[in-house]
Amino acid sequence: MEPQVRLEFKTTRPLDLQATLTPIGVGPSLFFDGADVWRASRTPAGPATLHLRQRAETIEVEAWGPGSPWAAAQAPPLCGEHDDPSGFAPKHRVIAELHRRHPGLRLTRTGAVFEALVPAVLAQKVTTIEAAAGYRGLVAALGEAARGPVPLKLPPSSQVLARTPYWAFHPFGVERRRAEVIIRAARSANRLEEITTMDRASAYRRLEAFPGVGPWTAAKVALVALGDSDAVPVGDYHLPHTIGYALEGTPRSSDERMLQLLDPYRGHRARVIRLLTISGIGAPKFGPQKPLRDIINN
């Protein structure tokens, strides 16, 4: 099947496509195949399937569907071309080493707020495995097949979710509270999408004005949809322990201490969190603490 749009662009610095795009959420709408990435999404111009192929410093772009011109034009920010790492100066040995090891890590910007909100809401107060399973079920049941040569599903549209009763979410392990957060947001999806044109403070105020969207969810959405390099999901169960362990060697920490430790990186706190996430560093849950130098040297 021939793509409706085909173009390419040169990257301005090293790029690890998988590490950059993983926060979007691998599943029915996104998967990686070696140097290839396939993504189905809804754009302001309509549904689109995007195929990215990395060849050295060149990204080849193909797109299918009514939204293919918009999706292809947005491929550079999706690949982190608009991410500005200037001013990021690691002040801890661990972060400096991870930054050296992962020069291709960038922060994506999808420009799709509602698409980022749904999986973020589903991840509230549940495990990552439960959230991923719930989202896969939701997309399988309420999304439709995307155009293109590979079997992808489009995320459910805001119109479909706005008219879906809360009890229809139950088979996906989603209780009434989270379901109603999604349904209410779907009914005001246009107001959500407007935050892509706002400054950071206004965008967060708009996000957190929606019932059921607090600082944790807002940060998760802003990281992906806006490419916010300073997004910190306060209220996360594991993250404070990870930050405390990585930056001062303590296996248990708090949101307050996490923010203190991240303060020297203000403006790039999300970059620090992403480096730790892709490196698999986490505070020990049980037993003796393994020195960080051993983890990094593995």
Protein backbone atom coordinates (compact mmCIF):
# COMPACT_ATOMS: atom_id res chain seq x y z
CA MET A 1 0.00 0.00 0.00
CA GLU A 2 1.59 3.26 -1.16
CA PRO A 3 1.81 6.04 1.45
CA GLN A 4 -0.08 9.26 0.82
CA VAL A 5 2.83 11.33 2.08
CA ARG A 6 6.55 10.58 1.93
CA LEU A 7 9.36 12.86 3.14
CA GLU A 8 12.58 12.81 5.12
CA PHE A 9 14.55 15.09 7.42
CA LYS A 10 18.01 15.24 8.94
CA THR A 11 18.44 14.98 12.68
CA THR A 12 20.36 17.79 14.36
CA ARG A 13 21.94 15.59 17.03
CA PRO A 14 22.00 11.90 18.08
CA LEU A 15 18.58 10.24 18.27
CA ASP A 16 17.45 7.05 19.98
CA LEU A 17 13.98 6.67 18.49
CA GLN A 18 12.79 3.95 20.84
CA ALA A 19 13.92 5.70 24.04
CA THR A 20 12.42 8.97 22.81
CA LEU A 21 9.01 7.59 21.79
CA THR A 22 8.45 4.97 24.50
CA PRO A 23 6.66 7.40 26.88
CA ILE A 24 3.80 7.58 24.35
CA GLY A 25 2.99 3.99 25.31
CA VAL A 26 3.75 0.86 23.31
CA GLY A 27 0.61 -1.06 22.41
CA PRO A 28 -2.05 -1.36 19.69
CA SER A 29 -1.28 2.15 18.41
CA LEU A 30 2.53 2.14 18.61
CA PHE A 31 5.18 -0.51 18.08
CA PHE A 32 8.86 -0.73 17.25
CA ASP A 33 10.40 -3.02 14.67
CA GLY A 34 14.16 -2.59 14.73
CA ALA A 35 14.93 0.82 13.25
CA ASP A 36 11.27 1.25 12.24
CA VAL A 37 8.48 2.85 14.26
CA TRP A 38 4.78 2.59 13.47
CA ARG A 39 2.21 4.86 15.11
CA ALA A 40 -1.52 5.38 14.63
CA SER A 41 -3.04 8.57 16.00
CA ARG A 42 -5.79 11.12 15.55
CA THR A 43 -4.72 14.49 14.22
CA PRO A 44 -6.65 17.76 13.80
CA ALA A 45 -7.01 16.77 10.14
CA GLY A 46 -8.18 13.21 10.82
CA PRO A 47 -6.73 9.76 11.57
CA ALA A 48 -3.21 8.93 10.40
CA THR A 49 -0.69 6.13 10.43
CA LEU A 50 2.94 7.21 10.60
CA HIS A 51 5.97 5.10 9.69
CA LEU A 52 9.40 6.34 10.76
CA ARG A 53 12.63 4.69 9.64
CA GLN A 54 16.00 5.82 10.92
CA ARG A 55 18.98 5.61 8.57
CA ALA A 56 22.04 7.15 10.23
CA GLU A 57 21.23 10.88 10.53
CA THR A 58 18.16 10.70 8.29
CA ILE A 59 14.58 9.95 9.34
CA GLU A 60 12.41 8.66 6.50
CA VAL A 61 8.71 9.42 7.02
CA GLU A 62 5.69 7.75 5.41
CA ALA A 63 2.06 8.44 6.29
CA TRP A 64 -1.40 7.14 5.44
CA GLY A 65 -4.90 8.44 6.14
CA PRO A 66 -6.71 11.80 6.05
CA GLY A 67 -4.38 13.23 8.68
CA SER A 68 -1.20 12.09 6.93
CA PRO A 69 0.01 15.58 5.86
CA TRP A 70 -0.36 16.88 9.42
CA ALA A 71 1.25 13.79 10.97
CA ALA A 72 4.20 13.86 8.56
CA ALA A 73 4.77 17.56 9.18
CA GLN A 74 4.82 16.90 12.93
CA ALA A 75 7.36 14.08 12.64
CA PRO A 76 10.35 16.27 13.68
CA PRO A 77 8.86 17.38 17.04
CA LEU A 78 7.62 13.82 17.56
CA CYS A 79 11.26 12.74 17.21
CA GLY A 80 12.41 15.39 19.67
CA GLU A 81 13.81 17.88 17.16
CA HIS A 82 12.23 20.72 19.16
CA ASP A 83 13.58 19.41 22.47
CA ASP A 84 16.18 21.87 23.75
CA PRO A 85 18.76 20.28 26.09
CA SER A 86 20.81 23.48 26.42
CA GLY A 87 21.51 24.31 30.02
CA PHE A 88 21.33 20.69 31.13
CA ALA A 89 24.46 20.16 33.22
CA PRO A 90 24.49 16.92 35.27
CA LYS A 91 25.62 17.62 38.80
CA HIS A 92 25.63 14.05 40.09
CA ARG A 93 28.01 11.32 38.96
CA VAL A 94 25.16 8.92 38.24
CA ILE A 95 23.26 11.38 36.05
CA ALA A 96 26.44 12.45 34.25
CA GLU A 97 27.26 8.83 33.43
CA LEU A 98 23.72 8.06 32.22
CA HIS A 99 23.72 11.22 30.11
CA ARG A 100 26.99 10.09 28.52
CA ARG A 101 25.60 6.62 27.83
CA HIS A 102 22.33 7.81 26.30
CA PRO A 103 23.17 10.73 24.00
CA GLY A 104 20.19 9.93 21.77
CA LEU A 105 17.54 10.37 24.45
CA ARG A 106 15.20 13.22 23.57
CA LEU A 107 11.80 14.34 24.78
CA THR A 108 8.98 13.80 22.30
CA ARG A 109 6.15 16.22 21.66
CA THR A 110 3.04 14.61 20.16
CA GLY A 111 0.76 17.66 20.30
CA ALA A 112 -2.10 15.24 21.10
CA VAL A 113 -3.38 16.10 24.58
CA PHE A 114 -6.48 13.92 24.86
CA GLU A 115 -4.61 10.90 23.49
CA ALA A 116 -2.01 11.37 26.23
CA LEU A 117 -4.64 11.96 28.93
CA VAL A 118 -6.54 8.68 28.54
CA PRO A 119 -3.63 6.29 29.36
CA ALA A 120 -2.46 8.69 32.10
CA VAL A 121 -5.86 8.54 33.81
CA LEU A 122 -5.95 4.76 33.44
CA ALA A 123 -2.59 4.62 35.24
CA GLN A 124 -3.89 6.46 38.31
CA LYS A 125 -3.56 4.39 41.51
CA VAL A 126 -2.89 1.08 39.71
CA THR A 127 0.19 -0.85 38.63
CA THR A 128 1.83 -0.25 35.28
CA ILE A 129 0.78 -3.74 34.15
CA GLU A 130 -2.86 -3.14 35.07
CA ALA A 131 -2.89 0.25 33.36
CA ALA A 132 -1.35 -1.12 30.15
CA ALA A 133 -3.82 -4.01 30.05
CA GLY A 134 -6.74 -1.65 30.58
CA TYR A 135 -5.60 0.65 27.80
CA ARG A 136 -5.04 -2.23 25.37
CA GLY A 137 -8.55 -3.48 26.09
CA LEU A 138 -10.05 -0.04 25.63
CA VAL A 139 -8.31 0.51 22.29
CA ALA A 140 -9.21 -2.97 21.06
CA ALA A 141 -12.87 -2.49 21.93
CA LEU A 142 -13.47 1.15 21.01
CA GLY A 143 -10.73 2.05 18.54
CA GLU A 144 -10.87 1.30 14.84
CA ALA A 145 -8.36 -0.11 12.40
CA ALA A 146 -5.85 2.42 11.12
CA ARG A 147 -4.96 2.80 7.46
CA GLY A 148 -1.64 1.49 6.26
CA PRO A 149 0.21 -1.77 5.61
CA VAL A 150 0.49 -2.90 9.26
CA PRO A 151 -2.26 -3.85 11.73
CA LEU A 152 -2.57 -0.86 14.06
CA LYS A 153 -5.58 0.40 15.99
CA LEU A 154 -6.43 4.07 16.41
CA PRO A 155 -6.99 5.23 19.99
CA PRO A 156 -10.70 5.71 20.73
CA SER A 157 -11.93 9.12 19.63
CA SER A 158 -13.14 11.69 22.12
CA GLN A 159 -16.58 11.52 20.47
CA VAL A 160 -16.83 7.76 21.13
CA LEU A 161 -15.58 8.01 24.71
CA ALA A 162 -17.87 10.96 25.47
CA ARG A 163 -20.93 8.80 24.84
CA THR A 164 -19.60 5.61 26.42
CA PRO A 165 -21.29 4.82 29.78
CA TYR A 166 -18.97 4.33 32.75
CA TRP A 167 -19.98 0.72 33.20
CA ALA A 168 -18.67 -0.12 29.72
CA PHE A 169 -15.16 0.48 31.10
CA HIS A 170 -15.51 -2.23 33.76
CA PRO A 171 -14.38 -5.15 31.53
CA PHE A 172 -11.03 -3.35 31.19
CA GLY A 173 -10.53 -3.15 34.96
CA VAL A 174 -11.52 0.52 35.10
CA GLU A 175 -13.80 1.55 37.96
CA ARG A 176 -16.42 4.28 37.80
CA ARG A 177 -14.19 7.10 39.10
CA ARG A 178 -11.48 6.81 36.42
CA ALA A 179 -14.06 6.09 33.72
CA GLU A 180 -15.94 9.27 34.54
CA VAL A 181 -12.74 11.34 34.49
CA ILE A 182 -12.15 10.13 30.91
CA ILE A 183 -15.79 10.66 29.87
CA ARG A 184 -15.87 14.22 31.22
CA ALA A 185 -12.55 15.04 29.58
CA ALA A 186 -13.77 13.58 26.29
CA ARG A 187 -16.75 15.94 26.34
CA SER A 188 -14.33 18.87 26.62
CA ALA A 189 -11.56 17.53 24.39
CA ASN A 190 -11.33 20.74 22.37
CA ARG A 191 -10.47 22.72 25.52
CA LEU A 192 -7.79 20.16 26.31
CA GLU A 193 -6.21 20.46 22.88
CA GLU A 194 -6.00 24.24 23.28
CA ILE A 195 -3.21 23.84 25.85
CA THR A 196 -0.72 23.12 23.04
CA THR A 197 -0.86 26.86 22.27
CA MET A 198 -0.44 28.01 25.91
CA ASP A 199 2.59 28.78 28.02
CA ARG A 200 3.59 26.09 30.51
CA ALA A 201 1.91 27.61 33.58
CA SER A 202 -1.38 28.22 31.76
CA ALA A 203 -1.32 24.72 30.27
CA TYR A 204 -0.96 23.14 33.70
CA ARG A 205 -3.74 25.32 35.12
CA ARG A 206 -6.05 24.25 32.32
CA LEU A 207 -5.15 20.57 32.79
CA GLU A 208 -5.60 20.58 36.54
CA ALA A 209 -8.92 22.40 36.24
CA PHE A 210 -10.43 19.19 34.88
CA PRO A 211 -11.99 17.04 37.65
CA GLY A 212 -9.81 14.04 38.41
CA VAL A 213 -6.66 15.53 36.86
CA GLY A 214 -4.10 16.37 39.53
CA PRO A 215 -0.38 17.20 39.42
CA TRP A 216 0.66 13.60 38.71
CA THR A 217 -1.65 13.18 35.72
CA ALA A 218 -0.95 16.69 34.41
CA ALA A 219 2.80 16.02 34.44
CA LYS A 220 2.36 12.70 32.63
CA VAL A 221 0.28 14.39 29.93
CA ALA A 222 2.57 17.42 29.59
CA LEU A 223 5.66 15.24 29.20
CA VAL A 224 4.23 13.48 26.14
CA ALA A 225 1.85 15.98 24.56
CA LEU A 226 3.86 19.16 25.21
CA GLY A 227 7.38 17.80 25.48
CA ASP A 228 7.71 19.47 28.89
CA SER A 229 11.32 18.95 29.92
CA ASP A 230 10.49 19.98 33.49
CA ALA A 231 7.51 17.66 34.09
CA VAL A 232 7.66 15.95 37.50
CA PRO A 233 4.80 13.56 38.40
CA VAL A 234 4.43 14.42 42.08
CA GLY A 235 2.47 11.74 43.90
CA ASP A 236 4.10 8.77 42.19
CA TYR A 237 4.60 5.78 44.48
CA HIS A 238 8.03 4.70 43.21
CA LEU A 239 9.60 7.83 41.75
CA PRO A 240 10.70 9.56 45.00
CA HIS A 241 12.50 6.37 46.07
CA THR A 242 14.22 6.11 42.69
CA ILE A 243 15.35 9.74 42.79
CA GLY A 244 16.52 9.46 46.39
CA TYR A 245 18.43 6.28 45.68
CA ALA A 246 20.10 7.64 42.54
CA LEU A 247 21.03 11.07 43.85
CA GLU A 248 21.87 10.43 47.50
CA GLY A 249 21.85 6.66 47.98
CA THR A 250 18.77 6.44 50.23
CA PRO A 251 16.39 3.54 49.50
CA ARG A 252 13.30 5.45 50.71
CA SER A 253 12.36 9.06 50.10
CA SER A 254 9.40 11.45 49.79
CA ASP A 255 7.94 13.87 47.28
CA GLU A 256 9.35 16.79 49.26
CA ARG A 257 12.87 15.37 49.29
CA MET A 258 12.62 14.35 45.65
CA LEU A 259 11.81 17.94 44.66
CA GLN A 260 14.74 19.22 46.71
CA LEU A 261 17.11 16.80 45.01
CA LEU A 262 15.79 17.67 41.55
CA ASP A 263 15.85 21.42 42.12
CA PRO A 264 19.37 21.89 40.66
CA TYR A 265 17.97 20.46 37.42
CA ARG A 266 14.97 22.80 37.25
CA GLY A 267 13.98 23.17 33.62
CA HIS A 268 15.29 19.67 32.88
CA ARG A 269 13.85 17.58 35.70
CA ALA A 270 11.94 15.36 33.28
CA ARG A 271 15.21 14.67 31.46
CA VAL A 272 16.73 13.36 34.68
CA ILE A 273 13.69 11.17 35.32
CA ARG A 274 13.78 9.76 31.78
CA LEU A 275 17.49 8.93 32.07
CA LEU A 276 16.84 6.99 35.26
CA THR A 277 13.78 5.28 33.76
CA ILE A 278 15.44 3.99 30.61
CA SER A 279 18.44 2.85 32.66
CA GLY A 280 16.27 0.69 34.89
CA ILE A 281 17.60 2.19 38.12
CA GLY A 282 15.23 1.78 41.05
CA ALA A 283 15.48 1.75 44.80
CA PRO A 284 15.80 -1.74 46.33
CA LYS A 285 12.55 -3.02 47.81
CA PHE A 286 13.94 -5.77 50.00
CA GLY A 287 17.28 -7.01 51.23
CA PRO A 288 20.63 -5.25 51.24
CA GLN A 289 21.14 -2.18 49.13
CA LYS A 290 23.22 -2.72 46.01
CA PRO A 291 25.73 0.09 45.49
CA LEU A 292 24.84 2.34 42.57
CA ARG A 293 28.34 1.99 41.14
CA ASP A 294 27.66 -1.72 40.65
CA ILE A 295 24.40 -1.02 38.79
CA ILE A 296 25.99 1.55 36.50
CA ASN A 297 29.00 -0.65 35.78
CA ASN A 298 26.85 -3.62 34.77
